[in-house]
């Protein structure tokens, strides 16, 4: 599903315009991003938890040449689905 498709579905479900739906989605994305940057964790009961985790530096391989490369340490976002979401998907 693309962002445009998600905006259209949200607009139809909430009975609002696509422009309003796009604003809401953009606001949600911005808020989640700010919260993860500030506190490193955001939980939505029944949906799941977003968290920021540090990934250690490691050695990898270039798949084309097979030579070893160094992969720098970095922060990544993880998502752990909540029970409500997991039950609905299965």
PDB file of N, CA and C in Angstrom:
ATOM      1  N   UNK A   1       0.856  -1.174   0.000  1.00  0.00           N
ATOM      2  CA  UNK A   1       0.000   0.000   0.000  1.00  0.00           C
ATOM      3  C   UNK A   1       0.896   1.230   0.000  1.00  0.00           C
ATOM      4  N   UNK A   2       0.591   2.163  -0.856  1.00  0.00           N
ATOM      5  CA  UNK A   2       1.355   3.399  -0.914  1.00  0.00           C
ATOM      6  C   UNK A   2       0.770   4.430   0.044  1.00  0.00           C
ATOM      7  N   UNK A   3       1.499   5.518   0.234  1.00  0.00           N
ATOM      8  CA  UNK A   3       1.015   6.575   1.113  1.00  0.00           C
ATOM      9  C   UNK A   3      -0.288   7.153   0.561  1.00  0.00           C
ATOM     10  N   UNK A   4      -0.368   7.349  -0.750  1.00  0.00           N
ATOM     11  CA  UNK A   4      -1.577   7.899  -1.371  1.00  0.00           C
ATOM     12  C   UNK A   4      -2.773   6.969  -1.145  1.00  0.00           C
ATOM     13  N   UNK A   5      -2.556   5.673  -1.256  1.00  0.00           N
ATOM     14  CA  UNK A   5      -3.631   4.708  -1.021  1.00  0.00           C
ATOM     15  C   UNK A   5      -4.067   4.726   0.442  1.00  0.00           C
ATOM     16  N   UNK A   6      -3.108   4.828   1.351  1.00  0.00           N
ATOM     17  CA  UNK A   6      -3.423   4.898   2.774  1.00  0.00           C
ATOM     18  C   UNK A   6      -4.224   6.157   3.090  1.00  0.00           C
ATOM     19  N   UNK A   7      -3.831   7.297   2.520  1.00  0.00           N
ATOM     20  CA  UNK A   7      -4.553   8.551   2.717  1.00  0.00           C
ATOM     21  C   UNK A   7      -5.988   8.413   2.231  1.00  0.00           C
ATOM     22  N   UNK A   8      -6.188   7.790   1.072  1.00  0.00           N
ATOM     23  CA  UNK A   8      -7.528   7.612   0.513  1.00  0.00           C
ATOM     24  C   UNK A   8      -8.397   6.735   1.422  1.00  0.00           C
ATOM     25  N   UNK A   9      -7.841   5.649   1.926  1.00  0.00           N
ATOM     26  CA  UNK A   9      -8.595   4.745   2.811  1.00  0.00           C
ATOM     27  C   UNK A   9      -8.938   5.447   4.121  1.00  0.00           C
ATOM     28  N   UNK A  10      -7.967   6.173   4.683  1.00  0.00           N
ATOM     29  CA  UNK A  10      -8.217   6.902   5.930  1.00  0.00           C
ATOM     30  C   UNK A  10      -9.302   7.956   5.739  1.00  0.00           C
ATOM     31  N   UNK A  11      -9.250   8.658   4.621  1.00  0.00           N
ATOM     32  CA  UNK A  11     -10.242   9.696   4.343  1.00  0.00           C
ATOM     33  C   UNK A  11     -11.635   9.091   4.239  1.00  0.00           C
ATOM     34  N   UNK A  12     -11.734   7.961   3.580  1.00  0.00           N
ATOM     35  CA  UNK A  12     -13.038   7.304   3.416  1.00  0.00           C
ATOM     36  C   UNK A  12     -13.556   6.778   4.757  1.00  0.00           C
ATOM     37  N   UNK A  13     -12.689   6.138   5.533  1.00  0.00           N
ATOM     38  CA  UNK A  13     -13.097   5.582   6.823  1.00  0.00           C
ATOM     39  C   UNK A  13     -13.517   6.663   7.816  1.00  0.00           C
ATOM     40  N   UNK A  14     -12.807   7.784   7.820  1.00  0.00           N
ATOM     41  CA  UNK A  14     -13.089   8.854   8.773  1.00  0.00           C
ATOM     42  C   UNK A  14     -14.078   9.875   8.228  1.00  0.00           C
ATOM     43  N   UNK A  15     -14.486   9.690   6.970  1.00  0.00           N
ATOM     44  CA  UNK A  15     -15.423  10.609   6.306  1.00  0.00           C
ATOM     45  C   UNK A  15     -14.898  12.049   6.327  1.00  0.00           C
ATOM     46  N   UNK A  16     -13.621  12.187   5.931  1.00  0.00           N
ATOM     47  CA  UNK A  16     -12.994  13.497   5.807  1.00  0.00           C
ATOM     48  C   UNK A  16     -12.352  13.595   4.430  1.00  0.00           C
ATOM     49  N   UNK A  17     -11.884  14.781   4.081  1.00  0.00           N
ATOM     50  CA  UNK A  17     -11.260  14.962   2.771  1.00  0.00           C
ATOM     51  C   UNK A  17      -9.883  14.294   2.745  1.00  0.00           C
ATOM     52  N   UNK A  18      -9.400  14.035   1.530  1.00  0.00           N
ATOM     53  CA  UNK A  18      -8.071  13.448   1.390  1.00  0.00           C
ATOM     54  C   UNK A  18      -6.999  14.413   1.889  1.00  0.00           C
ATOM     55  N   UNK A  19      -7.230  15.706   1.693  1.00  0.00           N
ATOM     56  CA  UNK A  19      -6.263  16.709   2.157  1.00  0.00           C
ATOM     57  C   UNK A  19      -6.147  16.672   3.680  1.00  0.00           C
ATOM     58  N   UNK A  20      -7.281  16.589   4.367  1.00  0.00           N
ATOM     59  CA  UNK A  20      -7.279  16.512   5.827  1.00  0.00           C
ATOM     60  C   UNK A  20      -6.624  15.212   6.293  1.00  0.00           C
ATOM     61  N   UNK A  21      -6.913  14.136   5.599  1.00  0.00           N
ATOM     62  CA  UNK A  21      -6.337  12.844   5.935  1.00  0.00           C
ATOM     63  C   UNK A  21      -4.819  12.873   5.749  1.00  0.00           C
ATOM     64  N   UNK A  22      -4.350  13.489   4.695  1.00  0.00           N
ATOM     65  CA  UNK A  22      -2.915  13.596   4.450  1.00  0.00           C
ATOM     66  C   UNK A  22      -2.243  14.418   5.552  1.00  0.00           C
ATOM     67  N   UNK A  23      -2.913  15.476   6.009  1.00  0.00           N
ATOM     68  CA  UNK A  23      -2.371  16.300   7.102  1.00  0.00           C
ATOM     69  C   UNK A  23      -2.251  15.484   8.383  1.00  0.00           C
ATOM     70  N   UNK A  24      -3.267  14.694   8.673  1.00  0.00           N
ATOM     71  CA  UNK A  24      -3.263  13.855   9.877  1.00  0.00           C
ATOM     72  C   UNK A  24      -2.131  12.834   9.797  1.00  0.00           C
ATOM     73  N   UNK A  25      -1.975  12.182   8.661  1.00  0.00           N
ATOM     74  CA  UNK A  25      -0.925  11.178   8.503  1.00  0.00           C
ATOM     75  C   UNK A  25       0.454  11.816   8.622  1.00  0.00           C
ATOM     76  N   UNK A  26       0.656  12.963   7.993  1.00  0.00           N
ATOM     77  CA  UNK A  26       1.939  13.667   8.089  1.00  0.00           C
ATOM     78  C   UNK A  26       2.232  14.069   9.531  1.00  0.00           C
ATOM     79  N   UNK A  27       1.207  14.521  10.241  1.00  0.00           N
ATOM     80  CA  UNK A  27       1.366  14.900  11.641  1.00  0.00           C
ATOM     81  C   UNK A  27       1.741  13.689  12.486  1.00  0.00           C
ATOM     82  N   UNK A  28       1.110  12.553  12.233  1.00  0.00           N
ATOM     83  CA  UNK A  28       1.405  11.326  12.964  1.00  0.00           C
ATOM     84  C   UNK A  28       2.857  10.915  12.748  1.00  0.00           C
ATOM     85  N   UNK A  29       3.287  10.919  11.503  1.00  0.00           N
ATOM     86  CA  UNK A  29       4.660  10.521  11.174  1.00  0.00           C
ATOM     87  C   UNK A  29       5.662  11.459  11.843  1.00  0.00           C
ATOM     88  N   UNK A  30       5.391  12.752  11.784  1.00  0.00           N
ATOM     89  CA  UNK A  30       6.281  13.741  12.391  1.00  0.00           C
ATOM     90  C   UNK A  30       6.340  13.579  13.913  1.00  0.00           C
ATOM     91  N   UNK A  31       5.191  13.342  14.532  1.00  0.00           N
ATOM     92  CA  UNK A  31       5.133  13.180  15.981  1.00  0.00           C
ATOM     93  C   UNK A  31       5.882  11.927  16.429  1.00  0.00           C
ATOM     94  N   UNK A  32       5.695  10.820  15.729  1.00  0.00           N
ATOM     95  CA  UNK A  32       6.401   9.578  16.065  1.00  0.00           C
ATOM     96  C   UNK A  32       7.908   9.793  15.921  1.00  0.00           C
ATOM     97  N   UNK A  33       8.318  10.452  14.851  1.00  0.00           N
ATOM     98  CA  UNK A  33       9.737  10.710  14.614  1.00  0.00           C
ATOM     99  C   UNK A  33      10.343  11.555  15.733  1.00  0.00           C
ATOM    100  N   UNK A  34       9.651  12.629  16.116  1.00  0.00           N
ATOM    101  CA  UNK A  34      10.149  13.501  17.186  1.00  0.00           C
ATOM    102  C   UNK A  34      10.252  12.745  18.510  1.00  0.00           C
ATOM    103  N   UNK A  35       9.244  11.957  18.820  1.00  0.00           N
ATOM    104  CA  UNK A  35       9.230  11.216  20.085  1.00  0.00           C
ATOM    105  C   UNK A  35      10.347  10.179  20.128  1.00  0.00           C
ATOM    106  N   UNK A  36      10.584   9.488  19.022  1.00  0.00           N
ATOM    107  CA  UNK A  36      11.660   8.503  18.993  1.00  0.00           C
ATOM    108  C   UNK A  36      13.017   9.175  19.132  1.00  0.00           C
ATOM    109  N   UNK A  37      13.158  10.338  18.526  1.00  0.00           N
ATOM    110  CA  UNK A  37      14.423  11.071  18.630  1.00  0.00           C
ATOM    111  C   UNK A  37      14.638  11.589  20.051  1.00  0.00           C
ATOM    112  N   UNK A  38      13.542  12.023  20.699  1.00  0.00           N
ATOM    113  CA  UNK A  38      13.618  12.604  22.042  1.00  0.00           C
ATOM    114  C   UNK A  38      13.779  11.538  23.123  1.00  0.00           C
ATOM    115  N   UNK A  39      12.886  10.557  23.148  1.00  0.00           N
ATOM    116  CA  UNK A  39      12.846   9.570  24.232  1.00  0.00           C
ATOM    117  C   UNK A  39      13.269   8.160  23.821  1.00  0.00           C
ATOM    118  N   UNK A  40      13.273   7.869  22.535  1.00  0.00           N
ATOM    119  CA  UNK A  40      13.702   6.556  22.076  1.00  0.00           C
ATOM    120  C   UNK A  40      12.658   5.464  22.159  1.00  0.00           C
ATOM    121  N   UNK A  41      11.417   5.806  22.564  1.00  0.00           N
ATOM    122  CA  UNK A  41      10.388   4.771  22.674  1.00  0.00           C
ATOM    123  C   UNK A  41       8.998   5.385  22.568  1.00  0.00           C
ATOM    124  N   UNK A  42       8.099   4.687  21.884  1.00  0.00           N
ATOM    125  CA  UNK A  42       6.719   5.122  21.763  1.00  0.00           C
ATOM    126  C   UNK A  42       5.836   3.886  21.723  1.00  0.00           C
ATOM    127  N   UNK A  43       4.916   3.782  22.674  1.00  0.00           N
ATOM    128  CA  UNK A  43       4.030   2.622  22.736  1.00  0.00           C
ATOM    129  C   UNK A  43       2.593   3.007  22.488  1.00  0.00           C
ATOM    130  N   UNK A  44       1.928   2.244  21.641  1.00  0.00           N
ATOM    131  CA  UNK A  44       0.503   2.414  21.365  1.00  0.00           C
ATOM    132  C   UNK A  44      -0.184   1.124  21.795  1.00  0.00           C
ATOM    133  N   UNK A  45      -0.919   1.184  22.898  1.00  0.00           N
ATOM    134  CA  UNK A  45      -1.534  -0.006  23.480  1.00  0.00           C
ATOM    135  C   UNK A  45      -2.424  -0.694  22.448  1.00  0.00           C
ATOM    136  N   UNK A  46      -2.227  -1.990  22.296  1.00  0.00           N
ATOM    137  CA  UNK A  46      -3.013  -2.782  21.363  1.00  0.00           C
ATOM    138  C   UNK A  46      -2.459  -2.770  19.952  1.00  0.00           C
ATOM    139  N   UNK A  47      -1.574  -1.820  19.629  1.00  0.00           N
ATOM    140  CA  UNK A  47      -0.993  -1.744  18.290  1.00  0.00           C
ATOM    141  C   UNK A  47       0.453  -2.224  18.301  1.00  0.00           C
ATOM    142  N   UNK A  48       1.287  -1.577  19.130  1.00  0.00           N
ATOM    143  CA  UNK A  48       2.677  -1.994  19.199  1.00  0.00           C
ATOM    144  C   UNK A  48       3.567  -0.927  19.787  1.00  0.00           C
ATOM    145  N   UNK A  49       4.859  -1.224  19.803  1.00  0.00           N
ATOM    146  CA  UNK A  49       5.840  -0.323  20.381  1.00  0.00           C
ATOM    147  C   UNK A  49       6.964  -0.066  19.383  1.00  0.00           C
ATOM    148  N   UNK A  50       7.244   1.224  19.164  1.00  0.00           N
ATOM    149  CA  UNK A  50       8.385   1.636  18.366  1.00  0.00           C
ATOM    150  C   UNK A  50       9.512   1.938  19.338  1.00  0.00           C
ATOM    151  N   UNK A  51      10.737   1.519  19.025  1.00  0.00           N
ATOM    152  CA  UNK A  51      11.865   1.834  19.890  1.00  0.00           C
ATOM    153  C   UNK A  51      13.118   2.030  19.039  1.00  0.00           C
ATOM    154  N   UNK A  52      14.055   2.794  19.582  1.00  0.00           N
ATOM    155  CA  UNK A  52      15.328   3.034  18.920  1.00  0.00           C
ATOM    156  C   UNK A  52      16.364   2.161  19.603  1.00  0.00           C
ATOM    157  N   UNK A  53      17.119   1.414  18.801  1.00  0.00           N
ATOM    158  CA  UNK A  53      18.125   0.487  19.310  1.00  0.00           C
ATOM    159  C   UNK A  53      19.450   0.789  18.622  1.00  0.00           C
ATOM    160  N   UNK A  54      20.541   0.715  19.391  1.00  0.00           N
ATOM    161  CA  UNK A  54      21.865   0.891  18.800  1.00  0.00           C
ATOM    162  C   UNK A  54      22.323  -0.434  18.200  1.00  0.00           C
ATOM    163  N   UNK A  55      22.749  -0.371  16.960  1.00  0.00           N
ATOM    164  CA  UNK A  55      23.299  -1.553  16.300  1.00  0.00           C
ATOM    165  C   UNK A  55      24.827  -1.414  16.323  1.00  0.00           C
ATOM    166  N   UNK A  56      25.517  -2.426  16.772  1.00  0.00           N
ATOM    167  CA  UNK A  56      26.972  -2.389  16.885  1.00  0.00           C
ATOM    168  C   UNK A  56      27.627  -2.384  15.503  1.00  0.00           C
ATOM    169  N   UNK A  57      28.852  -1.888  15.463  1.00  0.00           N
ATOM    170  CA  UNK A  57      29.648  -1.978  14.237  1.00  0.00           C
ATOM    171  C   UNK A  57      29.962  -3.449  13.991  1.00  0.00           C
ATOM    172  N   UNK A  58      30.030  -3.813  12.727  1.00  0.00           N
ATOM    173  CA  UNK A  58      30.277  -5.219  12.415  1.00  0.00           C
ATOM    174  C   UNK A  58      30.972  -5.336  11.061  1.00  0.00           C
ATOM    175  N   UNK A  59      31.379  -6.534  10.750  1.00  0.00           N
ATOM    176  CA  UNK A  59      32.007  -6.816   9.473  1.00  0.00           C
ATOM    177  C   UNK A  59      31.008  -7.519   8.580  1.00  0.00           C
ATOM    178  N   UNK A  60      30.927  -7.083   7.333  1.00  0.00           N
ATOM    179  CA  UNK A  60      30.033  -7.707   6.369  1.00  0.00           C
ATOM    180  C   UNK A  60      30.800  -8.072   5.120  1.00  0.00           C
ATOM    181  N   UNK A  61      30.081  -8.537   4.123  1.00  0.00           N
ATOM    182  CA  UNK A  61      30.715  -8.903   2.850  1.00  0.00           C
ATOM    183  C   UNK A  61      29.996  -8.221   1.702  1.00  0.00           C
ATOM    184  N   UNK A  62      30.765  -7.738   0.752  1.00  0.00           N
ATOM    185  CA  UNK A  62      30.210  -7.196  -0.479  1.00  0.00           C
ATOM    186  C   UNK A  62      29.736  -8.388  -1.308  1.00  0.00           C
ATOM    187  N   UNK A  63      28.433  -8.491  -1.618  1.00  0.00           N
ATOM    188  CA  UNK A  63      27.938  -9.670  -2.326  1.00  0.00           C
ATOM    189  C   UNK A  63      28.488  -9.819  -3.748  1.00  0.00           C
ATOM    190  N   UNK A  64      28.911  -8.727  -4.359  1.00  0.00           N
ATOM    191  CA  UNK A  64      29.431  -8.815  -5.734  1.00  0.00           C
ATOM    192  C   UNK A  64      30.878  -9.280  -5.774  1.00  0.00           C
ATOM    193  N   UNK A  65      31.687  -8.747  -4.853  1.00  0.00           N
ATOM    194  CA  UNK A  65      33.116  -9.068  -4.893  1.00  0.00           C
ATOM    195  C   UNK A  65      33.524 -10.072  -3.822  1.00  0.00           C
ATOM    196  N   UNK A  66      32.747 -10.206  -2.773  1.00  0.00           N
ATOM    197  CA  UNK A  66      33.079 -11.124  -1.693  1.00  0.00           C
ATOM    198  C   UNK A  66      34.057 -10.540  -0.685  1.00  0.00           C
ATOM    199  N   UNK A  67      34.542  -9.316  -0.920  1.00  0.00           N
ATOM    200  CA  UNK A  67      35.501  -8.723   0.010  1.00  0.00           C
ATOM    201  C   UNK A  67      34.803  -8.265   1.286  1.00  0.00           C
ATOM    202  N   UNK A  68      35.547  -8.283   2.384  1.00  0.00           N
ATOM    203  CA  UNK A  68      35.011  -7.857   3.667  1.00  0.00           C
ATOM    204  C   UNK A  68      34.914  -6.340   3.708  1.00  0.00           C
ATOM    205  N   UNK A  69      33.824  -5.847   4.316  1.00  0.00           N
ATOM    206  CA  UNK A  69      33.651  -4.414   4.492  1.00  0.00           C
ATOM    207  C   UNK A  69      33.273  -4.154   5.942  1.00  0.00           C
ATOM    208  N   UNK A  70      33.594  -2.947   6.415  1.00  0.00           N
ATOM    209  CA  UNK A  70      33.225  -2.567   7.777  1.00  0.00           C
ATOM    210  C   UNK A  70      31.906  -1.807   7.719  1.00  0.00           C
ATOM    211  N   UNK A  71      30.968  -2.231   8.545  1.00  0.00           N
ATOM    212  CA  UNK A  71      29.665  -1.569   8.638  1.00  0.00           C
ATOM    213  C   UNK A  71      29.658  -0.794   9.944  1.00  0.00           C
ATOM    214  N   UNK A  72      29.419   0.519   9.852  1.00  0.00           N
ATOM    215  CA  UNK A  72      29.470   1.390  11.026  1.00  0.00           C
ATOM    216  C   UNK A  72      28.303   1.119  11.976  1.00  0.00           C
ATOM    217  N   UNK A  73      28.526   1.461  13.236  1.00  0.00           N
ATOM    218  CA  UNK A  73      27.458   1.386  14.238  1.00  0.00           C
ATOM    219  C   UNK A  73      26.433   2.467  13.919  1.00  0.00           C
ATOM    220  N   UNK A  74      25.163   2.180  14.184  1.00  0.00           N
ATOM    221  CA  UNK A  74      24.123   3.182  13.955  1.00  0.00           C
ATOM    222  C   UNK A  74      22.890   2.852  14.765  1.00  0.00           C
ATOM    223  N   UNK A  75      22.008   3.827  14.855  1.00  0.00           N
ATOM    224  CA  UNK A  75      20.734   3.632  15.542  1.00  0.00           C
ATOM    225  C   UNK A  75      19.692   3.208  14.507  1.00  0.00           C
ATOM    226  N   UNK A  76      18.853   2.241  14.878  1.00  0.00           N
ATOM    227  CA  UNK A  76      17.788   1.774  14.003  1.00  0.00           C
ATOM    228  C   UNK A  76      16.468   1.751  14.773  1.00  0.00           C
ATOM    229  N   UNK A  77      15.386   1.859  14.056  1.00  0.00           N
ATOM    230  CA  UNK A  77      14.057   1.820  14.668  1.00  0.00           C
ATOM    231  C   UNK A  77      13.536   0.391  14.604  1.00  0.00           C
ATOM    232  N   UNK A  78      13.044  -0.082  15.727  1.00  0.00           N
ATOM    233  CA  UNK A  78      12.437  -1.413  15.801  1.00  0.00           C
ATOM    234  C   UNK A  78      10.955  -1.249  16.099  1.00  0.00           C
ATOM    235  N   UNK A  79      10.159  -2.201  15.646  1.00  0.00           N
ATOM    236  CA  UNK A  79       8.729  -2.217  15.952  1.00  0.00           C
ATOM    237  C   UNK A  79       8.373  -3.591  16.474  1.00  0.00           C
ATOM    238  N   UNK A  80       7.739  -3.615  17.646  1.00  0.00           N
ATOM    239  CA  UNK A  80       7.261  -4.869  18.219  1.00  0.00           C
ATOM    240  C   UNK A  80       5.743  -4.789  18.241  1.00  0.00           C
ATOM    241  N   UNK A  81       5.075  -5.622  17.460  1.00  0.00           N
ATOM    242  CA  UNK A  81       3.604  -5.558  17.432  1.00  0.00           C
ATOM    243  C   UNK A  81       2.990  -5.948  18.767  1.00  0.00           C
ATOM    244  N   UNK A  82       1.882  -5.281  19.090  1.00  0.00           N
ATOM    245  CA  UNK A  82       1.136  -5.580  20.307  1.00  0.00           C
ATOM    246  C   UNK A  82       0.247  -6.786  20.099  1.00  0.00           C
ATOM    247  N   UNK A  83      -0.320  -7.277  21.171  1.00  0.00           N
ATOM    248  CA  UNK A  83      -1.179  -8.466  21.117  1.00  0.00           C
ATOM    249  C   UNK A  83      -2.390  -8.237  20.232  1.00  0.00           C
ATOM    250  N   UNK A  84      -3.014  -7.052  20.332  1.00  0.00           N
ATOM    251  CA  UNK A  84      -4.195  -6.767  19.519  1.00  0.00           C
ATOM    252  C   UNK A  84      -3.903  -6.843  18.032  1.00  0.00           C
ATOM    253  N   UNK A  85      -2.788  -6.267  17.608  1.00  0.00           N
ATOM    254  CA  UNK A  85      -2.402  -6.309  16.199  1.00  0.00           C
ATOM    255  C   UNK A  85      -2.046  -7.723  15.766  1.00  0.00           C
ATOM    256  N   UNK A  86      -1.295  -8.407  16.589  1.00  0.00           N
ATOM    257  CA  UNK A  86      -0.895  -9.787  16.256  1.00  0.00           C
ATOM    258  C   UNK A  86      -2.117 -10.693  16.102  1.00  0.00           C
ATOM    259  N   UNK A  87      -3.094 -10.537  16.983  1.00  0.00           N
ATOM    260  CA  UNK A  87      -4.293 -11.375  16.913  1.00  0.00           C
ATOM    261  C   UNK A  87      -5.100 -11.096  15.660  1.00  0.00           C
ATOM    262  N   UNK A  88      -5.167  -9.835  15.240  1.00  0.00           N
ATOM    263  CA  UNK A  88      -5.951  -9.471  14.053  1.00  0.00           C
ATOM    264  C   UNK A  88      -5.284  -9.913  12.753  1.00  0.00           C
ATOM    265  N   UNK A  89      -3.960  -9.987  12.745  1.00  0.00           N
ATOM    266  CA  UNK A  89      -3.230 -10.361  11.528  1.00  0.00           C
ATOM    267  C   UNK A  89      -3.302 -11.867  11.293  1.00  0.00           C
ATOM    268  N   UNK A  90      -3.352 -12.636  12.359  1.00  0.00           N
ATOM    269  CA  UNK A  90      -3.350 -14.104  12.208  1.00  0.00           C
ATOM    270  C   UNK A  90      -4.647 -14.631  11.782  1.00  0.00           C
TER     271      UNK A  90
END
